[in-house]
Protein backbone atom coordinates (compact mmCIF):
# COMPACT_ATOMS: atom_id res chain seq x y z
CA MET A 1 104.91 73.45 18.72
CA LEU A 2 107.61 74.83 21.62
CA PRO A 3 110.51 72.66 21.13
CA GLU A 4 111.40 70.27 23.67
CA SER A 5 114.31 71.92 24.57
CA ASP A 6 113.01 75.55 25.50
CA LEU A 7 110.40 72.95 27.41
CA ARG A 8 112.82 71.61 29.10
CA PRO A 9 113.79 74.80 31.98
CA LEU A 10 109.53 75.22 32.37
CA LEU A 11 108.96 71.09 33.50
CA VAL A 12 111.99 71.85 35.52
CA GLY A 13 110.78 74.56 37.68
CA LEU A 14 107.02 73.47 38.20
CA ALA A 15 108.61 70.60 39.57
CA GLY A 16 110.65 72.19 42.12
CA LEU A 17 107.77 74.03 42.40
CA ARG A 18 105.41 71.15 43.37
CA ASP A 19 108.35 70.20 45.33
CA GLY A 20 108.58 73.77 47.25
CA ASP A 21 111.75 74.70 45.99
CA PHE A 22 111.15 77.93 45.95
CA ARG A 23 114.20 79.47 44.74
CA THR A 24 113.81 78.53 41.22
CA ARG A 25 113.17 80.90 38.88
CA LEU A 26 112.88 80.41 34.73
CA ASP A 27 115.01 83.47 32.41
CA PRO A 28 112.59 84.66 30.77
CA ARG A 29 114.54 85.60 27.19
CA GLY A 30 112.89 86.42 24.22
CA ASP A 31 109.29 88.85 23.88
CA GLY A 32 106.73 85.21 23.12
CA LEU A 33 104.02 83.50 24.55
CA LEU A 34 107.13 81.31 26.36
CA ALA A 35 108.81 84.89 27.73
CA GLU A 36 104.73 85.35 29.06
CA ILE A 37 104.44 82.07 30.29
CA MET A 38 107.91 82.42 32.18
CA THR A 39 107.57 85.71 33.89
CA ALA A 40 104.34 83.59 35.01
CA PHE A 41 105.83 81.31 36.32
CA ASN A 42 108.40 83.44 38.41
CA GLN A 43 105.44 86.05 39.29
CA VAL A 44 104.30 82.34 41.05
CA VAL A 45 107.14 81.64 42.67
CA GLU A 46 108.31 84.58 44.45
CA ARG A 47 104.28 85.03 46.29
CA ASN A 48 104.68 81.23 47.48
CA ARG A 49 107.88 82.52 48.55
CA HIS A 50 106.05 85.73 50.41
CA LEU A 51 103.77 84.01 51.65
CA THR A 52 106.05 80.91 53.67
CA GLU A 53 108.05 83.76 54.80
CA GLU A 54 105.72 85.77 56.60
CA LEU A 55 104.35 82.59 58.31
CA VAL A 56 108.06 81.36 59.45
CA ARG A 57 108.87 85.21 60.32
CA VAL A 58 105.83 85.65 62.43
CA ARG A 59 105.66 81.99 64.13
CA ARG A 60 109.10 83.05 65.02
CA GLU A 61 107.91 86.37 66.44
CA VAL A 62 105.02 84.90 67.94
CA ALA A 63 105.77 81.69 69.37
CA ARG A 64 109.33 82.12 70.21
CA GLN A 65 109.93 85.83 70.71
CA GLY A 66 106.04 86.40 72.23
CA HIS A 67 105.02 89.00 70.13
CA LEU A 68 101.74 89.16 69.85
CA ASP A 69 100.90 91.80 67.71
CA GLU A 70 102.77 90.42 64.83
CA ARG A 71 101.18 89.92 61.57
CA LEU A 72 102.05 88.93 58.07
CA THR A 73 101.79 91.89 55.39
CA VAL A 74 100.08 92.16 52.83
CA SER A 75 101.05 89.90 49.66
CA PRO A 76 102.24 90.95 46.66
CA GLY A 77 99.00 89.15 45.05
CA THR A 78 95.35 89.98 44.97
CA GLY A 79 92.30 86.91 44.98
CA MET A 80 93.41 83.98 46.58
CA TRP A 81 96.72 84.99 47.44
CA ALA A 82 95.25 88.17 50.01
CA THR A 83 92.73 85.68 51.24
CA SER A 84 95.52 83.43 52.72
CA VAL A 85 97.34 85.88 54.29
CA GLU A 86 93.89 87.56 55.55
CA ALA A 87 93.10 84.03 56.69
CA ALA A 88 96.03 83.55 58.30
CA ASN A 89 95.95 87.15 60.21
CA ALA A 90 92.57 86.32 61.40
CA LEU A 91 93.65 82.98 62.64
CA ILE A 92 96.49 84.48 65.10
CA ASP A 93 93.60 86.96 65.27
CA ALA A 94 91.82 84.52 67.12
CA LEU A 95 94.27 82.35 69.18
CA VAL A 96 96.00 84.85 70.13
CA ILE A 97 93.23 87.82 71.12
CA PRO A 98 92.24 85.17 73.60
CA VAL A 99 95.62 84.91 75.26
CA ALA A 100 95.77 88.77 75.92
CA ASN A 101 92.96 88.69 77.48
CA THR A 102 93.65 86.34 79.94
CA ALA A 103 96.93 87.45 80.48
CA ARG A 104 95.66 90.96 81.37
CA VAL A 105 92.90 89.53 84.01
CA LEU A 106 95.51 87.30 85.56
CA ASP A 107 97.95 90.51 85.57
CA ALA A 108 95.41 92.33 86.97
CA VAL A 109 94.62 89.05 89.78
CA ALA A 110 98.62 89.07 90.27
CA ASP A 111 98.30 93.15 91.36
CA GLY A 112 95.58 92.62 93.59
CA ASP A 113 93.08 93.75 90.76
CA LEU A 114 90.22 91.75 91.25
CA THR A 115 87.46 93.67 89.00
CA GLN A 116 88.76 92.84 85.32
CA ARG A 117 87.12 89.54 83.70
CA VAL A 118 88.07 87.77 80.20
CA ASP A 119 85.45 89.51 77.62
CA LEU A 120 83.78 85.73 76.38
CA GLU A 121 82.24 87.18 73.50
CA GLU A 122 85.03 89.92 71.94
CA GLY A 123 82.35 91.83 69.75
CA ASN A 124 81.02 90.00 67.09
CA ARG A 125 82.61 86.86 67.66
CA PRO A 126 81.83 84.89 70.57
CA LEU A 127 84.74 83.31 71.62
CA ARG A 128 83.68 79.18 71.33
CA GLY A 129 85.33 75.83 71.86
CA GLY A 130 88.82 75.93 74.00
CA LEU A 131 88.96 79.46 74.53
CA ARG A 132 85.30 79.80 75.70
CA ARG A 133 86.45 77.20 78.44
CA THR A 134 89.67 78.66 79.68
CA GLY A 135 88.09 82.30 79.65
CA LYS A 136 85.31 80.92 81.59
CA ALA A 137 87.75 78.77 83.79
CA VAL A 138 90.21 82.18 84.85
CA ASN A 139 86.98 83.75 85.34
CA ARG A 140 85.19 81.26 88.06
CA MET A 141 88.55 81.48 89.30
CA VAL A 142 89.07 85.26 89.76
CA ASP A 143 85.15 84.93 91.11
CA GLN A 144 86.27 82.97 93.75
CA LEU A 145 88.97 85.23 95.32
CA ALA A 146 86.80 88.01 94.80
CA LEU A 147 84.40 86.43 96.89
CA PHE A 148 86.90 84.18 99.19
CA THR A 149 88.82 87.90 99.64
CA GLY A 150 85.70 89.77 100.48
CA GLU A 151 84.10 87.45 103.14
CA VAL A 152 87.52 87.38 104.88
CA THR A 153 88.35 90.84 104.84
CA ARG A 154 84.10 91.60 106.10
CA VAL A 155 84.74 88.94 108.98
CA ALA A 156 89.10 90.96 109.78
CA ARG A 157 86.75 94.01 109.85
CA GLU A 158 84.05 92.74 111.92
CA VAL A 159 85.86 91.19 114.88
CA GLY A 160 89.27 93.51 114.53
CA THR A 161 88.50 96.86 114.34
CA GLU A 162 84.58 96.98 115.09
CA GLY A 163 85.03 93.84 117.82
CA ARG A 164 81.64 92.09 116.95
CA LEU A 165 82.70 88.97 117.42
CA GLY A 166 80.85 85.49 116.30
CA GLY A 167 80.89 86.57 112.36
CA ARG A 168 81.59 84.16 110.02
CA ALA A 169 83.04 84.03 106.21
CA LYS A 170 80.29 82.18 103.82
CA VAL A 171 81.30 78.91 101.59
CA GLN A 172 78.23 79.92 99.51
CA GLY A 173 79.62 79.29 95.75
CA MET A 174 82.80 77.93 97.02
CA SER A 175 84.50 74.85 96.40
CA GLY A 176 87.52 72.64 97.27
CA THR A 177 90.82 75.29 98.43
CA TRP A 178 88.88 78.01 98.26
CA ARG A 179 86.37 76.55 100.77
CA ASP A 180 88.98 75.05 102.76
CA VAL A 181 90.78 77.78 103.55
CA THR A 182 86.59 80.19 104.47
CA GLU A 183 86.24 77.15 106.63
CA ALA A 184 89.07 77.25 108.30
CA VAL A 185 89.22 81.07 108.42
CA ASN A 186 85.74 80.78 110.47
CA THR A 187 86.64 78.06 113.05
CA MET A 188 89.65 80.66 113.70
CA ALA A 189 86.86 83.58 113.86
CA ALA A 190 84.82 80.84 116.10
CA ARG A 191 87.62 79.52 118.37
CA LEU A 192 88.81 83.58 119.38
CA THR A 193 85.24 84.80 119.61
CA ALA A 194 84.56 81.38 122.30
CA GLN A 195 88.27 82.02 124.31
CA VAL A 196 87.28 86.15 124.00
CA ARG A 197 83.66 85.92 125.38
CA ASP A 198 84.55 83.08 128.20
CA ILE A 199 87.36 86.06 129.41
CA ALA A 200 84.28 88.17 129.70
CA VAL A 201 82.63 86.65 130.75
CA VAL A 202 84.51 85.66 134.40
CA THR A 203 86.69 89.32 134.55
CA THR A 204 83.12 90.77 133.95
CA ALA A 205 81.99 88.80 137.17
CA VAL A 206 84.97 89.60 139.15
CA ALA A 207 83.91 93.13 138.01
CA ARG A 208 80.53 92.50 140.25
CA GLY A 209 81.93 91.11 143.00
CA ASP A 210 81.37 87.31 141.72
CA LEU A 211 84.64 85.20 142.12
CA THR A 212 83.60 81.86 141.90
CA ARG A 213 83.99 81.53 138.17
CA GLN A 214 87.07 80.91 136.00
CA VAL A 215 88.14 80.47 132.31
CA THR A 216 87.35 77.01 130.89
CA VAL A 217 87.27 76.87 126.90
CA GLU A 218 89.63 75.91 125.56
CA ALA A 219 93.59 77.36 124.11
CA THR A 220 96.96 77.31 123.68
CA GLY A 221 100.15 79.06 123.25
CA GLU A 222 99.72 82.91 124.53
CA LEU A 223 95.36 82.40 124.62
CA LEU A 224 96.18 79.44 126.98
CA GLU A 225 98.73 81.63 128.90
CA LEU A 226 96.21 84.80 129.23
CA LYS A 227 93.52 82.42 130.59
CA LEU A 228 96.21 80.35 133.57
CA THR A 229 96.71 85.10 134.20
CA VAL A 230 93.22 85.52 134.54
CA ASN A 231 92.24 82.48 136.48
CA THR A 232 95.69 82.96 139.43
CA MET A 233 94.27 86.82 139.56
CA VAL A 234 90.79 85.39 139.87
CA ASP A 235 92.03 82.58 142.74
CA GLN A 236 94.40 85.36 144.53
CA LEU A 237 91.53 87.75 144.75
CA SER A 238 89.20 84.65 146.04
CA ALA A 239 91.61 83.96 148.98
CA PHE A 240 92.36 87.00 149.39
CA ALA A 241 88.62 88.05 150.41
CA ASP A 242 88.36 84.79 151.92
CA GLU A 243 91.22 86.67 154.45
CA VAL A 244 90.32 89.46 155.36
CA THR A 245 85.98 88.61 155.34
CA ARG A 246 87.98 85.91 158.14
CA VAL A 247 90.36 88.35 159.33
CA ALA A 248 86.90 90.81 159.72
CA ARG A 249 84.79 88.06 161.17
CA GLU A 250 87.20 87.55 164.48
CA VAL A 251 87.99 90.68 165.05
CA GLY A 252 85.06 93.19 165.18
CA THR A 253 82.56 90.14 164.97
CA GLU A 254 83.66 87.77 167.77
CA GLY A 255 86.29 90.16 169.56
CA ARG A 256 89.26 87.44 169.41
CA LEU A 257 91.73 90.15 168.53
CA GLY A 258 95.63 89.15 166.40
CA GLY A 259 93.74 87.21 163.95
CA GLN A 260 96.10 87.00 161.07
CA ALA A 261 95.48 86.94 157.06
CA GLN A 262 97.14 84.30 155.89
CA VAL A 263 97.27 84.39 151.90
CA ARG A 264 100.07 81.89 150.12
CA GLY A 265 101.07 82.79 146.59
CA VAL A 266 100.69 86.20 146.86
CA SER A 267 102.77 89.05 145.50
CA GLY A 268 102.36 92.23 145.15
CA VAL A 269 99.14 94.53 145.84
CA TRP A 270 97.93 91.85 147.04
CA LYS A 271 100.50 91.14 149.22
CA ASP A 272 100.86 94.58 150.62
CA LEU A 273 97.65 95.12 151.29
CA THR A 274 97.25 91.63 153.24
CA ASP A 275 100.37 93.09 155.44
CA ASN A 276 98.22 96.28 156.22
CA VAL A 277 95.26 94.20 157.11
CA ASN A 278 97.32 92.23 159.39
CA PHE A 279 98.66 95.28 160.98
CA MET A 280 95.52 96.47 161.19
CA ALA A 281 94.57 93.84 163.35
CA SER A 282 97.45 93.63 165.15
């Protein structure tokens, strides 16, 4: 039996290993059984130290530095030592790969590319639980953005480029802010359509000689100014036409010479035409 004095260092080393002190090393003197035990003890401590240092290093690189491609290096041991390293790396992959995939999609969205989606299958390891919910949420967000931008772009092209009034963006499948914004676009398009159509109706009537129409649609800002301008134009045309007709009837039909057209508030061409009619009548 080995003397207690020879076993005491081994006991101290085992107590340190039990308490997580991986700095302890034993001096395997000689070539007997005790030396072999101490050598094996030192190897156990070294492999624990390697695994701990690798875990600390990878945590620092991944969690603090953001280096998502960092992994634990191969353990100097085999069996469960190697299995522990592989399990830790697999755990990091299971967390990091979906995050990197999500970041790829969000980067694409930030660059205006709405064609990318988070892969929910990840090869032979489909995402599950919270990671799957996150991936589906990102994909749904991109789907809503794509639907929203597609519909708004279509309406803008139809109204602004092709001149096809009355277009509306579809809100089916949208919710929350996306639905609110889409409905706001539809409201804007509807108001513009009503205003432009009403102005077109009045100007078309003027072109056909009908000076009884007025722009009545509700308008604000520059469209209100346009509405007032068109209505003023119609009023001046109507007043000018009435006066010219009256003078022409008095002079040409009734034989009452000296009649003068009186159109208040006219200017520019309307005033020039009125003056010419008055000159001719006089």
